[in-house]
Amino acid sequence: MTKNGISKITRQLRIYDTVFGIWSGSIYSPADLMKTFGISLRMLQRDLKDLRDCGLINLKYDRARDKYIIAEDTVSDDTSGIRRKQHLKRLYRIGTLIHSLSCIDPENFESFELGTQEFSEYLEEVRNDPEYNSPEDIETMRRFYIPDIEFYDLKAEYYALFPDSNERTRQRDFEEMCRAGFEIRYSRKHRSFVYVYPS
């Protein structure tokens, strides 16, 4: 952990998401990123080197505009020691997951969760009332309360991306995503993981 309580990999994942996010069209200056993440220029340069060396993104500094630009090439570093290689491999995996897993909009998911709770309360109210307890009525009310939402098989998506990973690695990667602010929840109702991309 760093002095602000954020691990190196969490910080690097957040930097990666900031500069290469789904909705990000901005190019940042060193000062922008240093201020956003509360780090020194030296630490920022080390983080960007890790993001480049793991193969996620290669940012080059444009001195004339005082901005980072995304270079076309990404270069993986094969000369690192064992611990750094493990870190780079993990950083690449989780960075890839952030923008590859099928995600659900937070507002849609909250509407689904609230609707599911309200529908459960409705079922409790009409449980012993035959007038409102027909299968047709219940299905109509289910559609009224619970908005349609598409659930994805995130475990299958994970193993399609990283077929050589095992279940413990998958669990740790999902946990690290959550720590970095990329929330993966488990829906008991659908027996599947849900990736709620941060708004």
N, C-alpha and C. Protein backbone atom coordinates (compact mmCIF):
# COMPACT_ATOMS: atom_id res chain seq x y z
N MET A 1 0.84 -1.20 0.00
CA MET A 1 0.00 0.00 0.00
C MET A 1 0.88 1.25 0.00
N THR A 2 0.40 2.29 -0.68
CA THR A 2 1.09 3.57 -0.65
C THR A 2 0.60 4.37 0.54
N LYS A 3 1.17 5.55 0.72
CA LYS A 3 0.81 6.33 1.91
C LYS A 3 -0.65 6.76 1.91
N ASN A 4 -1.30 6.84 0.75
CA ASN A 4 -2.72 7.21 0.73
C ASN A 4 -3.64 5.99 0.76
N GLY A 5 -3.06 4.82 1.03
CA GLY A 5 -3.87 3.61 1.21
C GLY A 5 -4.26 2.90 -0.07
N ILE A 6 -3.73 3.35 -1.22
CA ILE A 6 -4.05 2.72 -2.50
C ILE A 6 -2.85 1.91 -2.96
N SER A 7 -3.08 0.68 -3.36
CA SER A 7 -1.97 -0.16 -3.82
C SER A 7 -1.48 0.31 -5.18
N LYS A 8 -0.29 -0.11 -5.52
CA LYS A 8 0.30 0.28 -6.80
C LYS A 8 -0.56 -0.18 -7.96
N ILE A 9 -1.03 -1.43 -7.91
CA ILE A 9 -1.81 -1.94 -9.05
C ILE A 9 -3.14 -1.20 -9.18
N THR A 10 -3.76 -0.86 -8.04
CA THR A 10 -5.01 -0.09 -8.08
C THR A 10 -4.78 1.26 -8.75
N ARG A 11 -3.71 1.93 -8.33
CA ARG A 11 -3.41 3.25 -8.91
C ARG A 11 -3.15 3.12 -10.41
N GLN A 12 -2.38 2.13 -10.81
CA GLN A 12 -2.06 1.96 -12.21
C GLN A 12 -3.31 1.63 -13.05
N LEU A 13 -4.19 0.82 -12.49
CA LEU A 13 -5.44 0.51 -13.20
C LEU A 13 -6.30 1.75 -13.36
N ARG A 14 -6.34 2.59 -12.33
CA ARG A 14 -7.12 3.83 -12.42
C ARG A 14 -6.51 4.80 -13.42
N ILE A 15 -5.19 4.86 -13.46
CA ILE A 15 -4.53 5.71 -14.46
C ILE A 15 -4.87 5.20 -15.86
N TYR A 16 -4.76 3.89 -16.03
CA TYR A 16 -5.08 3.30 -17.34
C TYR A 16 -6.52 3.62 -17.74
N ASP A 17 -7.45 3.43 -16.83
CA ASP A 17 -8.86 3.70 -17.14
C ASP A 17 -9.07 5.18 -17.46
N THR A 18 -8.36 6.05 -16.76
CA THR A 18 -8.52 7.50 -16.99
C THR A 18 -8.06 7.89 -18.39
N VAL A 19 -6.92 7.36 -18.80
CA VAL A 19 -6.37 7.79 -20.10
C VAL A 19 -6.93 6.99 -21.27
N PHE A 20 -7.55 5.85 -20.99
CA PHE A 20 -8.03 5.01 -22.09
C PHE A 20 -9.41 4.44 -21.77
N GLY A 21 -10.22 5.22 -21.05
CA GLY A 21 -11.54 4.77 -20.65
C GLY A 21 -12.49 4.69 -21.83
N ILE A 22 -13.60 4.00 -21.60
CA ILE A 22 -14.61 3.81 -22.64
C ILE A 22 -15.12 5.15 -23.17
N TRP A 23 -15.31 6.12 -22.26
CA TRP A 23 -15.86 7.40 -22.69
C TRP A 23 -14.80 8.49 -22.73
N SER A 24 -13.55 8.15 -22.59
CA SER A 24 -12.50 9.17 -22.49
C SER A 24 -11.95 9.50 -23.86
N GLY A 25 -12.09 10.77 -24.25
CA GLY A 25 -11.46 11.23 -25.47
C GLY A 25 -10.37 12.24 -25.16
N SER A 26 -10.09 12.43 -23.89
CA SER A 26 -9.15 13.47 -23.48
C SER A 26 -7.72 12.95 -23.46
N ILE A 27 -6.80 13.86 -23.70
CA ILE A 27 -5.38 13.56 -23.53
C ILE A 27 -4.89 14.43 -22.37
N TYR A 28 -4.15 13.83 -21.45
CA TYR A 28 -3.81 14.49 -20.21
C TYR A 28 -2.36 14.94 -20.20
N SER A 29 -2.12 16.02 -19.46
CA SER A 29 -0.75 16.47 -19.23
C SER A 29 -0.20 15.75 -18.01
N PRO A 30 1.12 15.75 -17.83
CA PRO A 30 1.68 15.17 -16.61
C PRO A 30 1.10 15.82 -15.35
N ALA A 31 0.93 17.15 -15.38
CA ALA A 31 0.39 17.85 -14.21
C ALA A 31 -1.03 17.39 -13.90
N ASP A 32 -1.85 17.16 -14.95
CA ASP A 32 -3.22 16.66 -14.75
C ASP A 32 -3.21 15.34 -13.99
N LEU A 33 -2.40 14.41 -14.46
CA LEU A 33 -2.38 13.08 -13.86
C LEU A 33 -1.76 13.09 -12.47
N MET A 34 -0.71 13.90 -12.29
CA MET A 34 -0.08 14.00 -10.97
C MET A 34 -1.08 14.55 -9.95
N LYS A 35 -1.86 15.54 -10.35
CA LYS A 35 -2.85 16.14 -9.44
C LYS A 35 -3.99 15.17 -9.16
N THR A 36 -4.48 14.52 -10.21
CA THR A 36 -5.61 13.59 -10.07
C THR A 36 -5.27 12.45 -9.11
N PHE A 37 -4.04 11.92 -9.21
CA PHE A 37 -3.69 10.74 -8.43
C PHE A 37 -2.78 11.04 -7.24
N GLY A 38 -2.46 12.31 -7.05
CA GLY A 38 -1.65 12.70 -5.88
C GLY A 38 -0.29 12.04 -5.86
N ILE A 39 0.38 12.00 -7.01
CA ILE A 39 1.68 11.34 -7.09
C ILE A 39 2.71 12.28 -7.72
N SER A 40 3.96 11.94 -7.55
CA SER A 40 5.06 12.72 -8.12
C SER A 40 5.24 12.37 -9.59
N LEU A 41 5.99 13.20 -10.29
CA LEU A 41 6.29 12.93 -11.69
C LEU A 41 7.05 11.63 -11.83
N ARG A 42 7.98 11.38 -10.92
CA ARG A 42 8.77 10.14 -10.98
C ARG A 42 7.87 8.91 -10.84
N MET A 43 6.92 8.95 -9.91
CA MET A 43 6.02 7.81 -9.73
C MET A 43 5.11 7.65 -10.95
N LEU A 44 4.63 8.77 -11.50
CA LEU A 44 3.79 8.72 -12.69
C LEU A 44 4.56 8.07 -13.84
N GLN A 45 5.80 8.46 -14.02
CA GLN A 45 6.61 7.88 -15.09
C GLN A 45 6.80 6.38 -14.90
N ARG A 46 6.98 5.94 -13.64
CA ARG A 46 7.12 4.50 -13.37
C ARG A 46 5.82 3.76 -13.68
N ASP A 47 4.69 4.39 -13.29
CA ASP A 47 3.40 3.76 -13.56
C ASP A 47 3.15 3.64 -15.06
N LEU A 48 3.45 4.70 -15.80
CA LEU A 48 3.25 4.66 -17.25
C LEU A 48 4.19 3.65 -17.91
N LYS A 49 5.37 3.49 -17.35
CA LYS A 49 6.31 2.48 -17.87
C LYS A 49 5.73 1.08 -17.65
N ASP A 50 5.15 0.83 -16.47
CA ASP A 50 4.53 -0.48 -16.22
C ASP A 50 3.37 -0.72 -17.19
N LEU A 51 2.55 0.30 -17.42
CA LEU A 51 1.41 0.15 -18.34
C LEU A 51 1.90 -0.13 -19.76
N ARG A 52 3.03 0.46 -20.13
CA ARG A 52 3.60 0.20 -21.44
C ARG A 52 4.22 -1.20 -21.49
N ASP A 53 5.03 -1.52 -20.47
CA ASP A 53 5.77 -2.78 -20.48
C ASP A 53 4.86 -4.00 -20.38
N CYS A 54 3.69 -3.83 -19.77
CA CYS A 54 2.78 -4.98 -19.68
C CYS A 54 1.99 -5.17 -20.97
N GLY A 55 2.01 -4.14 -21.84
CA GLY A 55 1.35 -4.26 -23.14
C GLY A 55 -0.01 -3.63 -23.21
N LEU A 56 -0.43 -2.87 -22.18
CA LEU A 56 -1.76 -2.26 -22.20
C LEU A 56 -1.82 -1.00 -23.05
N ILE A 57 -0.93 -0.05 -22.79
CA ILE A 57 -0.99 1.24 -23.47
C ILE A 57 0.38 1.90 -23.42
N ASN A 58 0.71 2.60 -24.48
CA ASN A 58 1.99 3.29 -24.55
C ASN A 58 1.73 4.78 -24.73
N LEU A 59 1.98 5.54 -23.68
CA LEU A 59 1.81 6.99 -23.75
C LEU A 59 3.17 7.64 -23.97
N LYS A 60 3.21 8.55 -24.90
CA LYS A 60 4.44 9.30 -25.15
C LYS A 60 4.17 10.77 -24.84
N TYR A 61 5.19 11.43 -24.31
CA TYR A 61 5.04 12.83 -23.92
C TYR A 61 5.32 13.74 -25.11
N ASP A 62 4.34 14.58 -25.44
CA ASP A 62 4.49 15.59 -26.49
C ASP A 62 4.88 16.90 -25.81
N ARG A 63 6.17 17.20 -25.84
CA ARG A 63 6.69 18.36 -25.12
C ARG A 63 6.07 19.67 -25.64
N ALA A 64 5.85 19.77 -26.94
CA ALA A 64 5.33 21.01 -27.52
C ALA A 64 3.94 21.35 -26.99
N ARG A 65 3.12 20.32 -26.77
CA ARG A 65 1.75 20.54 -26.27
C ARG A 65 1.61 20.26 -24.78
N ASP A 66 2.68 19.78 -24.15
CA ASP A 66 2.66 19.40 -22.74
C ASP A 66 1.52 18.41 -22.48
N LYS A 67 1.42 17.42 -23.34
CA LYS A 67 0.38 16.41 -23.22
C LYS A 67 0.97 15.05 -23.52
N TYR A 68 0.34 14.01 -22.93
CA TYR A 68 0.65 12.65 -23.33
C TYR A 68 -0.20 12.31 -24.55
N ILE A 69 0.39 11.59 -25.49
CA ILE A 69 -0.36 11.09 -26.63
C ILE A 69 -0.22 9.57 -26.64
N ILE A 70 -1.23 8.92 -27.19
CA ILE A 70 -1.21 7.45 -27.24
C ILE A 70 -0.44 7.03 -28.48
N ALA A 71 0.63 6.30 -28.26
CA ALA A 71 1.43 5.78 -29.37
C ALA A 71 0.78 4.51 -29.90
N GLU A 72 1.00 4.22 -31.15
CA GLU A 72 0.37 3.06 -31.78
C GLU A 72 0.92 1.75 -31.22
N ASP A 73 2.20 1.73 -30.92
CA ASP A 73 2.82 0.48 -30.50
C ASP A 73 2.78 0.32 -28.99
N THR A 74 2.61 -0.92 -28.55
CA THR A 74 2.80 -1.25 -27.13
C THR A 74 3.93 -2.26 -27.08
N VAL A 75 4.80 -2.08 -26.13
CA VAL A 75 6.00 -2.92 -26.06
C VAL A 75 6.01 -3.67 -24.74
N SER A 76 6.02 -4.99 -24.81
CA SER A 76 6.11 -5.80 -23.59
C SER A 76 7.58 -5.97 -23.22
N ASP A 77 7.86 -5.91 -21.92
CA ASP A 77 9.22 -6.03 -21.42
C ASP A 77 9.48 -7.47 -20.98
N ASP A 78 10.41 -8.15 -21.66
CA ASP A 78 10.74 -9.53 -21.33
C ASP A 78 12.00 -9.63 -20.46
N THR A 79 12.55 -8.50 -20.08
CA THR A 79 13.82 -8.51 -19.35
C THR A 79 13.64 -8.33 -17.84
N SER A 80 12.42 -8.22 -17.37
CA SER A 80 12.18 -7.96 -15.96
C SER A 80 12.49 -9.17 -15.10
N GLY A 81 12.64 -8.90 -13.79
CA GLY A 81 12.78 -9.98 -12.83
C GLY A 81 11.45 -10.69 -12.63
N ILE A 82 11.47 -11.80 -11.88
CA ILE A 82 10.28 -12.65 -11.72
C ILE A 82 9.13 -11.87 -11.10
N ARG A 83 9.37 -11.13 -10.02
CA ARG A 83 8.28 -10.42 -9.34
C ARG A 83 7.66 -9.36 -10.25
N ARG A 84 8.51 -8.62 -10.96
CA ARG A 84 7.96 -7.60 -11.86
C ARG A 84 7.20 -8.24 -13.01
N LYS A 85 7.68 -9.34 -13.53
CA LYS A 85 6.96 -10.05 -14.59
C LYS A 85 5.58 -10.47 -14.12
N GLN A 86 5.51 -10.98 -12.88
CA GLN A 86 4.21 -11.39 -12.33
C GLN A 86 3.28 -10.18 -12.21
N HIS A 87 3.84 -9.05 -11.73
CA HIS A 87 3.03 -7.83 -11.60
C HIS A 87 2.53 -7.37 -12.97
N LEU A 88 3.42 -7.36 -13.96
CA LEU A 88 3.03 -6.90 -15.30
C LEU A 88 1.98 -7.82 -15.92
N LYS A 89 2.13 -9.11 -15.70
CA LYS A 89 1.16 -10.07 -16.23
C LYS A 89 -0.22 -9.85 -15.61
N ARG A 90 -0.23 -9.61 -14.31
CA ARG A 90 -1.50 -9.37 -13.61
C ARG A 90 -2.10 -8.03 -14.02
N LEU A 91 -1.27 -7.01 -14.13
CA LEU A 91 -1.73 -5.69 -14.57
C LEU A 91 -2.36 -5.78 -15.95
N TYR A 92 -1.73 -6.52 -16.85
CA TYR A 92 -2.28 -6.68 -18.19
C TYR A 92 -3.64 -7.38 -18.15
N ARG A 93 -3.73 -8.47 -17.37
CA ARG A 93 -4.99 -9.22 -17.30
C ARG A 93 -6.12 -8.33 -16.80
N ILE A 94 -5.89 -7.66 -15.67
CA ILE A 94 -6.98 -6.89 -15.06
C ILE A 94 -7.30 -5.65 -15.90
N GLY A 95 -6.27 -5.01 -16.47
CA GLY A 95 -6.53 -3.88 -17.36
C GLY A 95 -7.35 -4.29 -18.56
N THR A 96 -7.07 -5.48 -19.09
CA THR A 96 -7.84 -6.00 -20.22
C THR A 96 -9.29 -6.25 -19.82
N LEU A 97 -9.50 -6.79 -18.61
CA LEU A 97 -10.85 -7.08 -18.15
C LEU A 97 -11.68 -5.81 -18.02
N ILE A 98 -11.06 -4.73 -17.55
CA ILE A 98 -11.80 -3.48 -17.30
C ILE A 98 -12.56 -3.04 -18.55
N HIS A 99 -11.94 -3.19 -19.71
CA HIS A 99 -12.58 -2.71 -20.93
C HIS A 99 -13.03 -3.82 -21.88
N SER A 100 -12.98 -5.07 -21.41
CA SER A 100 -13.40 -6.18 -22.26
C SER A 100 -14.65 -6.89 -21.73
N LEU A 101 -14.82 -6.93 -20.41
CA LEU A 101 -15.99 -7.61 -19.86
C LEU A 101 -17.27 -6.83 -20.18
N SER A 102 -18.34 -7.54 -20.44
CA SER A 102 -19.63 -6.91 -20.69
C SER A 102 -20.13 -6.26 -19.40
N CYS A 103 -20.45 -4.97 -19.49
CA CYS A 103 -20.84 -4.26 -18.27
C CYS A 103 -22.27 -3.77 -18.35
N ILE A 104 -22.80 -3.42 -17.18
CA ILE A 104 -24.16 -2.91 -17.05
C ILE A 104 -24.06 -1.49 -16.50
N ASP A 105 -24.86 -0.60 -17.05
CA ASP A 105 -24.90 0.77 -16.58
C ASP A 105 -25.38 0.80 -15.12
N PRO A 106 -24.71 1.58 -14.25
CA PRO A 106 -25.10 1.60 -12.83
C PRO A 106 -26.56 1.97 -12.60
N GLU A 107 -27.08 2.94 -13.34
CA GLU A 107 -28.48 3.36 -13.15
C GLU A 107 -29.43 2.23 -13.51
N ASN A 108 -29.15 1.52 -14.60
CA ASN A 108 -30.00 0.39 -14.98
C ASN A 108 -29.97 -0.71 -13.93
N PHE A 109 -28.78 -0.96 -13.39
CA PHE A 109 -28.67 -2.01 -12.38
C PHE A 109 -29.39 -1.62 -11.10
N GLU A 110 -29.26 -0.35 -10.69
CA GLU A 110 -29.97 0.11 -9.49
C GLU A 110 -31.48 0.00 -9.67
N SER A 111 -31.98 0.35 -10.88
CA SER A 111 -33.42 0.22 -11.17
C SER A 111 -33.85 -1.24 -11.08
N PHE A 112 -33.00 -2.12 -11.58
CA PHE A 112 -33.30 -3.55 -11.53
C PHE A 112 -33.35 -4.03 -10.08
N GLU A 113 -32.35 -3.63 -9.28
CA GLU A 113 -32.30 -4.06 -7.88
C GLU A 113 -33.50 -3.54 -7.10
N LEU A 114 -33.84 -2.25 -7.31
CA LEU A 114 -34.98 -1.65 -6.61
C LEU A 114 -36.28 -2.32 -7.04
N GLY A 115 -36.42 -2.55 -8.35
CA GLY A 115 -37.63 -3.20 -8.86
C GLY A 115 -37.78 -4.61 -8.33
N THR A 116 -36.68 -5.33 -8.22
CA THR A 116 -36.71 -6.70 -7.69
C THR A 116 -37.18 -6.69 -6.23
N GLN A 117 -36.68 -5.72 -5.45
CA GLN A 117 -37.09 -5.60 -4.05
C GLN A 117 -38.59 -5.26 -3.95
N GLU A 118 -39.04 -4.32 -4.77
CA GLU A 118 -40.46 -3.92 -4.73
C GLU A 118 -41.36 -5.07 -5.18
N PHE A 119 -40.91 -5.84 -6.16
CA PHE A 119 -41.70 -6.98 -6.62
C PHE A 119 -41.80 -8.04 -5.52
N SER A 120 -40.71 -8.25 -4.78
CA SER A 120 -40.74 -9.20 -3.65
C SER A 120 -41.75 -8.75 -2.60
N GLU A 121 -41.77 -7.44 -2.33
CA GLU A 121 -42.73 -6.90 -1.36
C GLU A 121 -44.16 -7.07 -1.86
N TYR A 122 -44.38 -6.86 -3.17
CA TYR A 122 -45.71 -7.06 -3.76
C TYR A 122 -46.14 -8.51 -3.59
N LEU A 123 -45.23 -9.47 -3.88
CA LEU A 123 -45.57 -10.89 -3.74
C LEU A 123 -45.95 -11.23 -2.32
N GLU A 124 -45.25 -10.62 -1.36
CA GLU A 124 -45.56 -10.87 0.05
C GLU A 124 -46.96 -10.37 0.40
N GLU A 125 -47.32 -9.20 -0.17
CA GLU A 125 -48.64 -8.62 0.12
C GLU A 125 -49.78 -9.47 -0.43
N VAL A 126 -49.59 -10.03 -1.64
CA VAL A 126 -50.71 -10.73 -2.30
C VAL A 126 -50.62 -12.25 -2.14
N ARG A 127 -49.69 -12.70 -1.32
CA ARG A 127 -49.45 -14.14 -1.20
C ARG A 127 -50.73 -14.92 -0.89
N ASN A 128 -51.59 -14.39 -0.03
CA ASN A 128 -52.80 -15.12 0.37
C ASN A 128 -54.07 -14.54 -0.24
N ASP A 129 -53.92 -13.74 -1.29
CA ASP A 129 -55.09 -13.13 -1.93
C ASP A 129 -55.26 -13.72 -3.33
N PRO A 130 -56.18 -14.67 -3.50
CA PRO A 130 -56.32 -15.35 -4.80
C PRO A 130 -56.70 -14.41 -5.93
N GLU A 131 -57.31 -13.26 -5.60
CA GLU A 131 -57.73 -12.32 -6.65
C GLU A 131 -56.53 -11.76 -7.42
N TYR A 132 -55.40 -11.60 -6.71
CA TYR A 132 -54.21 -11.02 -7.35
C TYR A 132 -53.06 -12.04 -7.47
N ASN A 133 -53.38 -13.29 -7.34
CA ASN A 133 -52.33 -14.29 -7.22
C ASN A 133 -52.28 -15.26 -8.39
N SER A 134 -52.95 -14.94 -9.50
CA SER A 134 -52.90 -15.84 -10.65
C SER A 134 -51.53 -15.71 -11.32
N PRO A 135 -51.08 -16.75 -12.00
CA PRO A 135 -49.77 -16.67 -12.69
C PRO A 135 -49.70 -15.50 -13.68
N GLU A 136 -50.82 -15.22 -14.36
CA GLU A 136 -50.83 -14.12 -15.33
C GLU A 136 -50.65 -12.77 -14.63
N ASP A 137 -51.37 -12.59 -13.51
CA ASP A 137 -51.24 -11.33 -12.77
C ASP A 137 -49.81 -11.15 -12.25
N ILE A 138 -49.25 -12.22 -11.72
CA ILE A 138 -47.90 -12.13 -11.15
C ILE A 138 -46.88 -11.80 -12.24
N GLU A 139 -47.03 -12.43 -13.41
CA GLU A 139 -46.10 -12.13 -14.51
C GLU A 139 -46.25 -10.69 -14.99
N THR A 140 -47.48 -10.20 -15.04
CA THR A 140 -47.72 -8.80 -15.44
C THR A 140 -47.05 -7.85 -14.45
N MET A 141 -47.20 -8.13 -13.18
CA MET A 141 -46.61 -7.26 -12.16
C MET A 141 -45.09 -7.39 -12.15
N ARG A 142 -44.58 -8.58 -12.43
CA ARG A 142 -43.12 -8.73 -12.51
C ARG A 142 -42.55 -7.83 -13.59
N ARG A 143 -43.23 -7.83 -14.78
CA ARG A 143 -42.76 -6.96 -15.87
C ARG A 143 -42.92 -5.49 -15.52
N PHE A 144 -43.93 -5.17 -14.72
CA PHE A 144 -44.16 -3.78 -14.31
C PHE A 144 -43.04 -3.31 -13.37
N TYR A 145 -42.69 -4.13 -12.42
CA TYR A 145 -41.71 -3.73 -11.40
C TYR A 145 -40.26 -3.85 -11.87
N ILE A 146 -39.96 -4.94 -12.59
CA ILE A 146 -38.56 -5.25 -12.87
C ILE A 146 -38.23 -4.93 -14.33
N PRO A 147 -37.36 -3.95 -14.56
CA PRO A 147 -37.00 -3.62 -15.94
C PRO A 147 -36.16 -4.74 -16.56
N ASP A 148 -36.26 -4.86 -17.87
CA ASP A 148 -35.44 -5.86 -18.57
C ASP A 148 -33.98 -5.44 -18.50
N ILE A 149 -33.14 -6.40 -18.22
CA ILE A 149 -31.72 -6.13 -18.16
C ILE A 149 -31.00 -7.38 -18.65
N GLU A 150 -29.95 -7.20 -19.43
CA GLU A 150 -29.24 -8.35 -19.97
C GLU A 150 -28.09 -8.73 -19.05
N PHE A 151 -28.09 -9.99 -18.64
CA PHE A 151 -27.01 -10.50 -17.80
C PHE A 151 -26.03 -11.28 -18.68
N TYR A 152 -24.77 -11.19 -18.33
CA TYR A 152 -23.71 -11.82 -19.12
C TYR A 152 -22.99 -12.87 -18.29
N ASP A 153 -22.40 -13.82 -18.95
CA ASP A 153 -21.62 -14.85 -18.28
C ASP A 153 -20.17 -14.37 -18.18
N LEU A 154 -19.88 -13.62 -17.10
CA LEU A 154 -18.56 -13.02 -16.97
C LEU A 154 -17.46 -14.05 -16.77
N LYS A 155 -17.78 -15.16 -16.11
CA LYS A 155 -16.76 -16.20 -15.95
C LYS A 155 -16.37 -16.78 -17.30
N ALA A 156 -17.36 -17.01 -18.16
CA ALA A 156 -17.06 -17.53 -19.50
C ALA A 156 -16.25 -16.51 -20.29
N GLU A 157 -16.59 -15.22 -20.15
CA GLU A 157 -15.84 -14.18 -20.84
C GLU A 157 -14.39 -14.13 -20.34
N TYR A 158 -14.23 -14.28 -19.04
CA TYR A 158 -12.88 -14.27 -18.45
C TYR A 158 -12.03 -15.39 -19.04
N TYR A 159 -12.57 -16.61 -19.05
CA TYR A 159 -11.79 -17.76 -19.51
C TYR A 159 -11.59 -17.74 -21.02
N ALA A 160 -12.49 -17.06 -21.75
CA ALA A 160 -12.25 -16.89 -23.19
C ALA A 160 -11.04 -15.98 -23.42
N LEU A 161 -10.88 -14.97 -22.56
CA LEU A 161 -9.74 -14.07 -22.66
C LEU A 161 -8.45 -14.71 -22.14
N PHE A 162 -8.57 -15.45 -21.03
CA PHE A 162 -7.39 -16.01 -20.37
C PHE A 162 -7.61 -17.50 -20.07
N PRO A 163 -7.59 -18.33 -21.10
CA PRO A 163 -7.92 -19.75 -20.91
C PRO A 163 -6.94 -20.51 -20.02
N ASP A 164 -5.73 -19.99 -19.84
CA ASP A 164 -4.75 -20.69 -19.01
C ASP A 164 -4.87 -20.35 -17.52
N SER A 165 -5.76 -19.42 -17.18
CA SER A 165 -5.94 -19.04 -15.77
C SER A 165 -6.76 -20.10 -15.04
N ASN A 166 -6.57 -20.16 -13.72
CA ASN A 166 -7.38 -21.07 -12.92
C ASN A 166 -8.43 -20.27 -12.13
N GLU A 167 -9.27 -20.99 -11.41
CA GLU A 167 -10.38 -20.33 -10.71
C GLU A 167 -9.90 -19.38 -9.62
N ARG A 168 -8.84 -19.75 -8.93
CA ARG A 168 -8.31 -18.87 -7.86
C ARG A 168 -7.78 -17.56 -8.46
N THR A 169 -7.11 -17.65 -9.60
CA THR A 169 -6.62 -16.45 -10.27
C THR A 169 -7.79 -15.58 -10.70
N ARG A 170 -8.84 -16.21 -11.25
CA ARG A 170 -10.04 -15.46 -11.65
C ARG A 170 -10.65 -14.74 -10.46
N GLN A 171 -10.77 -15.43 -9.33
CA GLN A 171 -11.34 -14.80 -8.13
C GLN A 171 -10.50 -13.61 -7.69
N ARG A 172 -9.20 -13.78 -7.67
CA ARG A 172 -8.31 -12.69 -7.25
C ARG A 172 -8.38 -11.51 -8.21
N ASP A 173 -8.48 -11.79 -9.50
CA ASP A 173 -8.59 -10.71 -10.48
C ASP A 173 -9.89 -9.93 -10.30
N PHE A 174 -10.99 -10.62 -10.08
CA PHE A 174 -12.27 -9.94 -9.84
C PHE A 174 -12.20 -9.12 -8.55
N GLU A 175 -11.56 -9.67 -7.51
CA GLU A 175 -11.42 -8.94 -6.24
C GLU A 175 -10.58 -7.68 -6.44
N GLU A 176 -9.51 -7.78 -7.22
CA GLU A 176 -8.65 -6.61 -7.48
C GLU A 176 -9.40 -5.56 -8.28
N MET A 177 -10.20 -5.99 -9.22
CA MET A 177 -11.03 -5.03 -9.96
C MET A 177 -11.93 -4.26 -9.01
N CYS A 178 -12.55 -4.96 -8.08
CA CYS A 178 -13.44 -4.30 -7.10
C CYS A 178 -12.66 -3.30 -6.25
N ARG A 179 -11.47 -3.68 -5.79
CA ARG A 179 -10.66 -2.77 -4.98
C ARG A 179 -10.29 -1.51 -5.77
N ALA A 180 -10.14 -1.66 -7.07
CA ALA A 180 -9.77 -0.52 -7.92
C ALA A 180 -10.98 0.32 -8.32
N GLY A 181 -12.18 -0.10 -7.89
CA GLY A 181 -13.39 0.68 -8.17
C GLY A 181 -14.21 0.18 -9.34
N PHE A 182 -13.86 -0.99 -9.88
CA PHE A 182 -14.60 -1.57 -11.00
C PHE A 182 -15.41 -2.73 -10.44
N GLU A 183 -16.65 -2.43 -10.07
CA GLU A 183 -17.41 -3.32 -9.19
C GLU A 183 -18.00 -4.52 -9.93
N ILE A 184 -17.67 -5.68 -9.42
CA ILE A 184 -18.28 -6.92 -9.89
C ILE A 184 -19.09 -7.49 -8.73
N ARG A 185 -20.37 -7.62 -8.94
CA ARG A 185 -21.26 -8.17 -7.90
C ARG A 185 -21.75 -9.54 -8.36
N TYR A 186 -22.17 -10.32 -7.38
CA TYR A 186 -22.76 -11.61 -7.71
C TYR A 186 -24.27 -11.52 -7.52
N SER A 187 -25.03 -11.83 -8.57
CA SER A 187 -26.49 -11.84 -8.50
C SER A 187 -26.95 -13.25 -8.18
N ARG A 188 -27.47 -13.43 -6.97
CA ARG A 188 -27.97 -14.76 -6.59
C ARG A 188 -29.15 -15.17 -7.46
N LYS A 189 -29.99 -14.19 -7.78
CA LYS A 189 -31.18 -14.48 -8.57
C LYS A 189 -30.81 -15.08 -9.92
N HIS A 190 -29.78 -14.53 -10.56
CA HIS A 190 -29.39 -15.00 -11.88
C HIS A 190 -28.17 -15.94 -11.84
N ARG A 191 -27.64 -16.16 -10.63
CA ARG A 191 -26.49 -17.03 -10.45
C ARG A 191 -25.36 -16.64 -11.40
N SER A 192 -25.11 -15.34 -11.46
CA SER A 192 -24.05 -14.86 -12.34
C SER A 192 -23.44 -13.60 -11.78
N PHE A 193 -22.23 -13.29 -12.25
CA PHE A 193 -21.56 -12.06 -11.86
C PHE A 193 -22.05 -10.92 -12.73
N VAL A 194 -22.10 -9.73 -12.14
CA VAL A 194 -22.53 -8.54 -12.84
C VAL A 194 -21.43 -7.49 -12.72
N TYR A 195 -21.00 -6.97 -13.85
CA TYR A 195 -19.98 -5.93 -13.87
C TYR A 195 -20.66 -4.58 -14.01
N VAL A 196 -20.63 -3.79 -12.94
CA VAL A 196 -21.25 -2.47 -12.95
C VAL A 196 -20.14 -1.46 -13.17
N TYR A 197 -20.04 -0.97 -14.41
CA TYR A 197 -18.95 -0.03 -14.72
C TYR A 197 -19.20 1.28 -14.01
N PRO A 198 -18.17 1.86 -13.35
CA PRO A 198 -18.39 3.08 -12.58
C PRO A 198 -18.81 4.25 -13.46
N SER A 199 -19.77 5.04 -12.97
CA SER A 199 -20.25 6.19 -13.74
C SER A 199 -19.29 7.35 -13.57
